[in-house]
Amino acid sequence: MEINILLYYKFVNIENTEEFVMKHLEFCKRLGVLGKVLIAKEGINGSISGTKEQTEMYKKELYADKRFSDIVFKEEIGLMYPFKKISVRLRKEIIRMDQDIDIEKKGKYISPKELIDLYKNNEDFVILDTRNDYESDVGKFKNAFTPKIKTFREFPKVVEKLKDKKDKKIVMYCTGGIRCEKASAYLVEQGFNDISQLHGGIITFCQEYPNSSIWQGKCFVFDNRIISNVDDENAPLTKCEFCNINCDLYRNCKNPNCNHFMAVCDNCQLEHKGCCCKECFEKYNEFLSIKMEKNRGRKSKIEKINA
């Protein structure tokens, strides 16, 4: 069964956000879609999955609202549901940066074709990744500047390192466009003179140009898939942390007190029982032992009650 997946966002003023969250959640539940939607006064940011019929009805509902009549949906096809439930939540920001930004000052859009032409013509420009380091480790554009940040909130620190490039042409990109839209507005406010953002992000680029040599590796996504299927033919850039073979399978360390996010192949995942190191393996076994002991205790209590 094919699963339709929608990724979208829109910066637009939303009044009565609490009421909007409640009504939107009720609608999603009636429709039967699964996913995650963030609502804030500054707009909406979501990823929804369902059947073709369900996702078409979802799009129709948003288009009917004049605030979202021009919203752009990035669409993908999957073989499994990337979400286990539907979640619609109220947030202060739909993409958190902790900065007071005028989104109307955002950088101009550049199409996937225009980006390719910049590379073909050997233009002098900076290609700037606005994502987290573990995302750019999986895949990136050729010669991209990839900041070593763990969250988007750290992006303003990156700008400090780019101050000598205020007069250079800078092209920004992210997965679907939301981060580089807010980041581009921040750079404009900081005095950068030539800021562009890739329209539709990596998802749209890879769908339009699936075999382009300027995109290298895979595309990380924030759902159960971890890796998007838009660039299946590209070789992984990441390597297994244990055996060093090319690998784009990401897992969290089984030790709940560690939870290290790592690239690990299937063989090493089995061999190391899903743990990132020997210490975590021992801690994980202790955790399982304690859990089993508690379960035995609960079972004994139930047996005594039923005796």
Protein backbone atom coordinates (compact mmCIF):
# COMPACT_ATOMS: atom_id res chain seq x y z
CA MET A 1 0.00 0.00 0.00
CA GLU A 2 1.37 3.42 -0.98
CA ILE A 3 1.29 6.14 1.64
CA ASN A 4 1.05 9.77 0.56
CA ILE A 5 3.17 12.19 2.60
CA LEU A 6 2.73 15.97 2.66
CA LEU A 7 5.31 18.43 3.97
CA TYR A 8 4.36 22.11 4.15
CA TYR A 9 4.60 25.39 6.00
CA LYS A 10 3.28 28.92 5.72
CA PHE A 11 4.30 32.05 7.58
CA VAL A 12 1.01 33.87 8.09
CA ASN A 13 -0.67 35.56 11.03
CA ILE A 14 -3.03 33.19 12.88
CA GLU A 15 -5.35 34.68 15.47
CA ASN A 16 -7.08 32.57 18.15
CA THR A 17 -4.37 29.92 17.90
CA GLU A 18 -5.78 27.73 20.67
CA GLU A 19 -9.14 27.49 18.93
CA PHE A 20 -7.42 26.79 15.61
CA VAL A 21 -5.37 23.95 17.16
CA MET A 22 -8.46 22.34 18.65
CA LYS A 23 -10.48 22.52 15.40
CA HIS A 24 -7.58 21.35 13.24
CA LEU A 25 -6.94 18.36 15.48
CA GLU A 26 -10.61 17.39 15.35
CA PHE A 27 -10.55 17.64 11.54
CA CYS A 28 -7.40 15.50 11.26
CA LYS A 29 -8.90 12.83 13.50
CA ARG A 30 -12.13 12.73 11.47
CA LEU A 31 -10.11 12.46 8.29
CA GLY A 32 -7.88 9.73 9.72
CA VAL A 33 -4.51 11.21 8.73
CA LEU A 34 -1.37 10.73 10.82
CA GLY A 35 1.39 13.25 11.33
CA LYS A 36 2.61 16.28 13.23
CA VAL A 37 1.39 19.87 12.87
CA LEU A 38 2.79 22.90 14.71
CA ILE A 39 0.68 26.04 15.06
CA ALA A 40 1.89 29.45 16.22
CA LYS A 41 0.82 33.03 15.80
CA GLU A 42 3.42 33.26 13.01
CA GLY A 43 1.95 30.38 10.96
CA ILE A 44 1.71 26.61 10.39
CA ASN A 45 4.31 23.89 9.87
CA GLY A 46 3.33 20.28 9.29
CA SER A 47 3.88 16.84 7.87
CA ILE A 48 0.81 14.69 7.22
CA SER A 49 0.46 11.12 5.90
CA GLY A 50 -2.47 9.06 4.66
CA THR A 51 -4.08 7.57 1.59
CA LYS A 52 -4.26 9.56 -1.64
CA GLU A 53 -7.91 10.36 -0.92
CA GLN A 54 -7.16 11.50 2.64
CA THR A 55 -4.25 13.77 1.70
CA GLU A 56 -6.23 15.31 -1.18
CA MET A 57 -9.05 16.12 1.25
CA TYR A 58 -6.53 17.56 3.69
CA LYS A 59 -5.09 19.85 0.99
CA LYS A 60 -8.59 20.91 -0.07
CA GLU A 61 -9.42 21.90 3.53
CA LEU A 62 -6.32 24.11 3.85
CA TYR A 63 -6.76 25.67 0.41
CA ALA A 64 -10.32 26.64 1.36
CA ASP A 65 -8.90 28.85 4.15
CA LYS A 66 -7.80 32.14 2.53
CA ARG A 67 -4.79 32.28 4.86
CA PHE A 68 -3.45 29.08 3.28
CA SER A 69 -4.86 29.37 -0.25
CA ASP A 70 -1.36 29.62 -1.75
CA ILE A 71 0.37 27.11 0.53
CA VAL A 72 2.90 24.86 -1.24
CA PHE A 73 2.82 21.14 -0.46
CA LYS A 74 5.90 18.97 -0.97
CA GLU A 75 4.58 15.51 -1.75
CA GLU A 76 6.27 12.12 -1.39
CA ILE A 77 5.22 8.48 -1.62
CA GLY A 78 6.17 5.95 1.06
CA LEU A 79 5.54 2.28 1.72
CA MET A 80 4.91 2.76 5.45
CA TYR A 81 3.31 5.35 7.68
CA PRO A 82 6.07 7.75 8.85
CA PHE A 83 3.99 8.68 11.92
CA LYS A 84 2.20 6.57 14.51
CA LYS A 85 -0.40 9.16 15.53
CA ILE A 86 -1.75 12.61 14.78
CA SER A 87 -0.40 15.52 16.80
CA VAL A 88 -1.45 19.17 16.48
CA ARG A 89 0.36 21.40 18.95
CA LEU A 90 0.54 25.06 19.88
CA ARG A 91 4.02 26.60 19.83
CA LYS A 92 5.56 30.04 20.25
CA GLU A 93 7.29 29.57 16.86
CA ILE A 94 6.65 27.07 14.06
CA ILE A 95 10.42 26.79 13.66
CA ARG A 96 12.25 27.83 16.79
CA MET A 97 15.07 30.35 16.51
CA ASP A 98 14.45 32.51 19.59
CA GLN A 99 14.90 35.72 17.59
CA ASP A 100 12.50 38.57 16.88
CA ILE A 101 12.50 38.46 13.06
CA ASP A 102 10.48 40.25 10.41
CA ILE A 103 9.77 37.36 8.02
CA GLU A 104 8.73 39.87 5.33
CA LYS A 105 12.44 40.64 4.90
CA LYS A 106 13.15 37.08 3.73
CA GLY A 107 15.63 36.41 0.93
CA LYS A 108 14.45 36.04 -2.65
CA TYR A 109 13.56 32.60 -3.99
CA ILE A 110 15.82 30.72 -6.36
CA SER A 111 14.52 27.74 -8.36
CA PRO A 112 16.27 24.34 -8.57
CA LYS A 113 17.13 25.14 -12.23
CA GLU A 114 18.67 28.49 -11.25
CA LEU A 115 20.78 26.77 -8.59
CA ILE A 116 22.07 24.26 -11.14
CA ASP A 117 22.95 27.14 -13.49
CA LEU A 118 25.00 28.81 -10.74
CA TYR A 119 27.12 25.66 -10.52
CA LYS A 120 27.31 25.21 -14.31
CA ASN A 121 28.46 28.81 -14.84
CA ASN A 122 31.03 28.59 -12.02
CA GLU A 123 29.42 31.56 -10.28
CA ASP A 124 31.11 32.92 -7.17
CA PHE A 125 28.59 32.18 -4.42
CA VAL A 126 28.27 30.58 -0.98
CA ILE A 127 25.89 27.64 -0.70
CA LEU A 128 24.78 27.65 2.95
CA ASP A 129 23.12 24.71 4.72
CA THR A 130 20.77 25.89 7.50
CA ARG A 131 20.17 22.41 8.93
CA ASN A 132 21.72 20.57 11.87
CA ASP A 133 25.09 18.83 11.52
CA TYR A 134 23.66 15.29 11.62
CA GLU A 135 21.42 16.20 8.67
CA SER A 136 24.23 17.60 6.52
CA ASP A 137 26.35 14.56 7.42
CA VAL A 138 23.76 12.45 5.56
CA GLY A 139 23.60 14.63 2.45
CA LYS A 140 24.43 18.13 1.18
CA PHE A 141 24.94 20.24 -1.93
CA LYS A 142 28.37 20.28 -3.54
CA ASN A 143 30.84 22.63 -1.77
CA ALA A 144 28.19 23.60 0.80
CA PHE A 145 29.13 25.39 4.00
CA THR A 146 27.66 23.10 6.68
CA PRO A 147 27.56 24.66 10.18
CA LYS A 148 28.24 22.39 13.14
CA ILE A 149 25.02 23.08 15.02
CA LYS A 150 22.70 20.71 16.88
CA THR A 151 19.56 22.87 16.74
CA PHE A 152 18.29 25.73 14.58
CA ARG A 153 18.44 27.97 17.66
CA GLU A 154 22.23 27.99 17.25
CA PHE A 155 22.07 29.46 13.76
CA PRO A 156 22.73 33.09 14.84
CA LYS A 157 26.18 31.91 16.00
CA VAL A 158 26.86 30.77 12.44
CA VAL A 159 26.17 34.27 11.15
CA GLU A 160 29.03 35.59 13.28
CA LYS A 161 31.40 33.44 11.20
CA LEU A 162 30.00 34.82 7.94
CA LYS A 163 30.39 38.54 8.60
CA ASP A 164 33.22 38.81 6.07
CA LYS A 165 30.80 37.57 3.38
CA LYS A 166 28.15 40.28 3.71
CA ASP A 167 28.67 41.39 0.11
CA LYS A 168 28.86 37.90 -1.41
CA LYS A 169 26.01 36.05 -3.04
CA ILE A 170 24.65 33.55 -0.49
CA VAL A 171 22.19 30.79 -1.42
CA MET A 172 20.56 29.01 1.52
CA TYR A 173 18.81 25.65 1.63
CA CYS A 174 17.13 23.23 4.03
CA THR A 175 14.82 20.20 3.78
CA GLY A 176 11.57 21.90 2.78
CA GLY A 177 12.29 25.64 2.95
CA ILE A 178 11.05 26.77 6.35
CA ARG A 179 14.41 27.11 8.07
CA CYS A 180 16.14 28.98 5.25
CA GLU A 181 13.11 31.30 4.96
CA LYS A 182 13.48 32.43 8.57
CA ALA A 183 17.29 32.31 8.43
CA SER A 184 17.36 34.39 5.23
CA ALA A 185 15.26 37.11 6.90
CA TYR A 186 17.71 37.07 9.82
CA LEU A 187 20.70 37.51 7.49
CA VAL A 188 19.01 40.40 5.69
CA GLU A 189 18.40 42.08 9.05
CA GLN A 190 22.08 41.54 9.89
CA GLY A 191 23.16 43.51 6.84
CA PHE A 192 23.83 40.80 4.24
CA ASN A 193 23.18 42.19 0.77
CA ASP A 194 22.54 39.27 -1.61
CA ILE A 195 20.51 36.50 0.02
CA SER A 196 18.60 33.78 -1.85
CA GLN A 197 16.81 30.64 -0.66
CA LEU A 198 16.17 27.43 -2.58
CA HIS A 199 12.44 27.35 -3.27
CA GLY A 200 10.90 24.09 -2.02
CA GLY A 201 14.13 22.96 -0.39
CA ILE A 202 15.99 19.70 -0.94
CA ILE A 203 12.77 17.69 -1.36
CA THR A 204 11.63 19.70 -4.39
CA PHE A 205 15.14 19.85 -5.88
CA CYS A 206 15.63 16.07 -5.73
CA GLN A 207 12.17 15.43 -7.17
CA GLU A 208 12.82 17.74 -10.13
CA TYR A 209 16.47 16.69 -10.65
CA PRO A 210 16.86 13.21 -9.14
CA ASN A 211 20.19 12.52 -10.85
CA SER A 212 21.87 15.89 -10.40
CA SER A 213 25.56 15.69 -9.53
CA ILE A 214 25.39 18.76 -7.29
CA TRP A 215 23.30 16.96 -4.65
CA GLN A 216 25.41 14.43 -2.75
CA GLY A 217 24.11 11.72 -0.43
CA LYS A 218 20.63 11.40 1.08
CA CYS A 219 17.99 13.63 2.64
CA PHE A 220 17.33 13.38 6.39
CA VAL A 221 13.70 13.82 7.52
CA PHE A 222 12.17 14.17 10.99
CA ASP A 223 9.84 11.18 11.02
CA ASN A 224 10.07 7.41 11.33
CA ARG A 225 11.65 7.12 7.87
CA ILE A 226 14.76 9.12 8.94
CA ILE A 227 15.88 9.11 5.28
CA SER A 228 13.58 10.40 2.52
CA ASN A 229 13.10 8.27 -0.58
CA VAL A 230 13.63 11.17 -3.03
CA ASP A 231 17.30 10.28 -3.56
CA ASP A 232 17.45 6.50 -3.25
CA GLU A 233 20.05 6.12 -6.00
CA ASN A 234 22.64 8.31 -4.27
CA ALA A 235 25.35 6.63 -2.24
CA PRO A 236 25.31 7.38 1.50
CA LEU A 237 27.82 9.96 2.76
CA THR A 238 27.70 8.63 6.30
CA LYS A 239 29.53 5.53 7.55
CA CYS A 240 28.70 2.97 10.22
CA GLU A 241 30.28 4.09 13.49
CA PHE A 242 31.55 0.55 14.14
CA CYS A 243 32.73 -0.98 10.85
CA ASN A 244 33.08 2.20 8.74
CA ILE A 245 31.13 0.93 5.72
CA ASN A 246 28.84 3.36 3.87
CA CYS A 247 25.58 3.46 5.80
CA ASP A 248 22.56 5.75 6.11
CA LEU A 249 20.65 3.80 8.77
CA TYR A 250 20.22 6.01 11.82
CA ARG A 251 19.32 4.64 15.24
CA ASN A 252 19.26 5.89 18.84
CA CYS A 253 21.45 4.06 21.34
CA LYS A 254 19.31 1.60 23.32
CA ASN A 255 20.69 2.88 26.62
CA PRO A 256 17.89 5.31 27.63
CA ASN A 257 20.37 7.50 29.53
CA CYS A 258 22.52 7.90 26.43
CA ASN A 259 20.17 7.91 23.42
CA HIS A 260 23.10 8.82 21.12
CA PHE A 261 21.92 9.25 17.52
CA MET A 262 24.24 7.18 15.32
CA ALA A 263 24.70 5.74 11.86
CA VAL A 264 24.93 1.96 12.23
CA CYS A 265 24.60 -0.87 9.70
CA ASP A 266 22.22 -3.81 10.26
CA ASN A 267 25.03 -6.24 11.15
CA CYS A 268 26.59 -3.96 13.77
CA GLN A 269 23.14 -3.06 15.09
CA LEU A 270 22.61 -6.76 15.87
CA GLU A 271 26.14 -7.40 17.10
CA HIS A 272 26.13 -4.49 19.55
CA LYS A 273 22.46 -4.94 20.53
CA GLY A 274 21.64 -1.40 19.43
CA CYS A 275 24.14 0.23 21.79
CA CYS A 276 26.85 2.73 20.86
CA CYS A 277 29.59 1.38 23.15
CA LYS A 278 30.46 -1.35 25.67
CA GLU A 279 29.50 0.84 28.64
CA CYS A 280 26.05 1.54 27.17
CA PHE A 281 25.61 -2.15 26.41
CA GLU A 282 26.19 -2.96 30.10
CA LYS A 283 23.89 -0.12 31.23
CA TYR A 284 21.20 -1.29 28.82
CA ASN A 285 21.38 -4.85 30.22
CA GLU A 286 21.04 -3.43 33.75
CA PHE A 287 18.01 -1.43 32.59
CA LEU A 288 16.42 -4.56 31.08
CA SER A 289 17.10 -6.58 34.24
CA ILE A 290 15.46 -3.95 36.45
CA LYS A 291 12.50 -3.73 34.07
CA MET A 292 12.05 -7.51 34.03
CA GLU A 293 12.23 -7.63 37.84
CA LYS A 294 9.53 -4.97 38.11
CA ASN A 295 7.35 -6.86 35.63
CA ARG A 296 7.77 -10.06 37.66
CA GLY A 297 6.76 -8.14 40.77
CA ARG A 298 3.60 -6.84 39.12
CA LYS A 299 2.75 -10.34 37.88
CA SER A 300 3.18 -11.80 41.39
CA LYS A 301 0.83 -9.18 42.86
CA ILE A 302 -1.82 -9.98 40.26
CA GLU A 303 -1.45 -13.74 40.94
CA LYS A 304 -1.94 -13.13 44.69
CA ILE A 305 -5.05 -11.02 44.03
CA ASN A 306 -6.53 -13.71 41.79
CA ALA A 307 -5.59 -16.59 44.12
